[in-house]
Amino acid sequence: MKTLTGTYYKGRLKLDKPFKVEKPIKVILSFDEEEISELKLADFSFMETQELLKDCNTSFSDEIIEERRKAV
């Protein structure tokens, strides 16, 4: 098992050091207890999400279906 460190903020994870992999891998994300704050609806932005996904050429549901097919 490899341990990586980084910072999670506004739905994004930024690793402290680059980490390259050849194929998708499963991960476990743990938060330091003193760093956890309660999420509120105001923490999420529909407009920001649209901006982040503007270059996405597939649908979220298609990606979930494909991921589940690969897992079987």
Protein backbone atom coordinates (compact mmCIF):
# COMPACT_ATOMS: atom_id res chain seq x y z
CA MET A 1 0.00 0.00 0.00
CA LYS A 2 1.29 3.46 -0.95
CA THR A 3 0.60 6.47 1.28
CA LEU A 4 0.21 9.89 -0.32
CA THR A 5 -0.42 13.24 1.29
CA GLY A 6 -2.21 16.25 -0.07
CA THR A 7 -4.92 18.81 0.50
CA TYR A 8 -8.65 18.39 -0.20
CA TYR A 9 -10.51 21.66 -0.82
CA LYS A 10 -13.77 22.47 -2.61
CA GLY A 11 -14.13 19.02 -4.11
CA ARG A 12 -10.57 18.74 -5.37
CA LEU A 13 -7.62 16.76 -4.09
CA LYS A 14 -4.16 18.20 -4.70
CA LEU A 15 -1.33 15.80 -3.96
CA ASP A 16 1.86 17.12 -2.37
CA LYS A 17 3.93 15.14 -4.90
CA PRO A 18 3.02 13.79 -8.36
CA PHE A 19 1.96 10.14 -8.51
CA LYS A 20 1.59 8.38 -11.86
CA VAL A 21 -0.34 5.18 -12.43
CA GLU A 22 -0.89 3.10 -15.57
CA LYS A 23 -4.56 2.29 -14.92
CA PRO A 24 -7.36 3.31 -12.53
CA ILE A 25 -6.81 2.19 -8.96
CA LYS A 26 -9.03 2.12 -5.91
CA VAL A 27 -8.13 4.52 -3.12
CA ILE A 28 -9.08 5.15 0.49
CA LEU A 29 -9.27 8.78 1.55
CA SER A 30 -8.87 9.56 5.26
CA PHE A 31 -9.31 12.98 6.84
CA ASP A 32 -7.46 14.18 9.93
CA GLU A 33 -10.10 14.67 12.62
CA GLU A 34 -9.05 18.22 13.49
CA GLU A 35 -9.33 19.22 9.82
CA ILE A 36 -12.96 18.09 9.31
CA SER A 37 -15.60 20.77 9.18
CA GLU A 38 -19.28 20.26 8.57
CA LEU A 39 -20.25 20.61 4.91
CA LYS A 40 -23.18 22.84 4.07
CA LEU A 41 -25.21 23.17 0.89
CA ALA A 42 -23.59 26.58 0.39
CA ASP A 43 -20.21 24.81 0.04
CA PHE A 44 -21.32 23.39 -3.32
CA SER A 45 -21.66 25.40 -6.50
CA PHE A 46 -23.68 24.24 -9.50
CA MET A 47 -21.99 26.88 -11.66
CA GLU A 48 -18.51 25.83 -10.54
CA THR A 49 -19.33 22.19 -11.30
CA GLN A 50 -20.59 23.13 -14.77
CA GLU A 51 -17.35 25.00 -15.42
CA LEU A 52 -15.24 22.05 -14.27
CA LEU A 53 -17.16 19.67 -16.54
CA LYS A 54 -17.44 21.88 -19.63
CA ASP A 55 -14.91 19.78 -21.59
CA CYS A 56 -16.36 16.44 -20.50
CA ASN A 57 -17.56 14.49 -23.55
CA THR A 58 -19.58 11.86 -21.72
CA SER A 59 -22.36 11.70 -19.17
CA PHE A 60 -21.89 10.97 -15.50
CA SER A 61 -24.35 8.06 -15.68
CA ASP A 62 -22.48 6.51 -18.64
CA GLU A 63 -19.25 6.67 -16.64
CA ILE A 64 -20.86 5.00 -13.61
CA ILE A 65 -22.28 2.21 -15.80
CA GLU A 66 -18.89 1.64 -17.44
CA GLU A 67 -17.11 1.62 -14.08
CA ARG A 68 -19.53 -0.96 -12.70
CA ARG A 69 -19.16 -3.17 -15.77
CA LYS A 70 -15.38 -3.17 -15.31
CA ALA A 71 -15.74 -4.09 -11.64
CA VAL A 72 -17.65 -7.30 -12.39
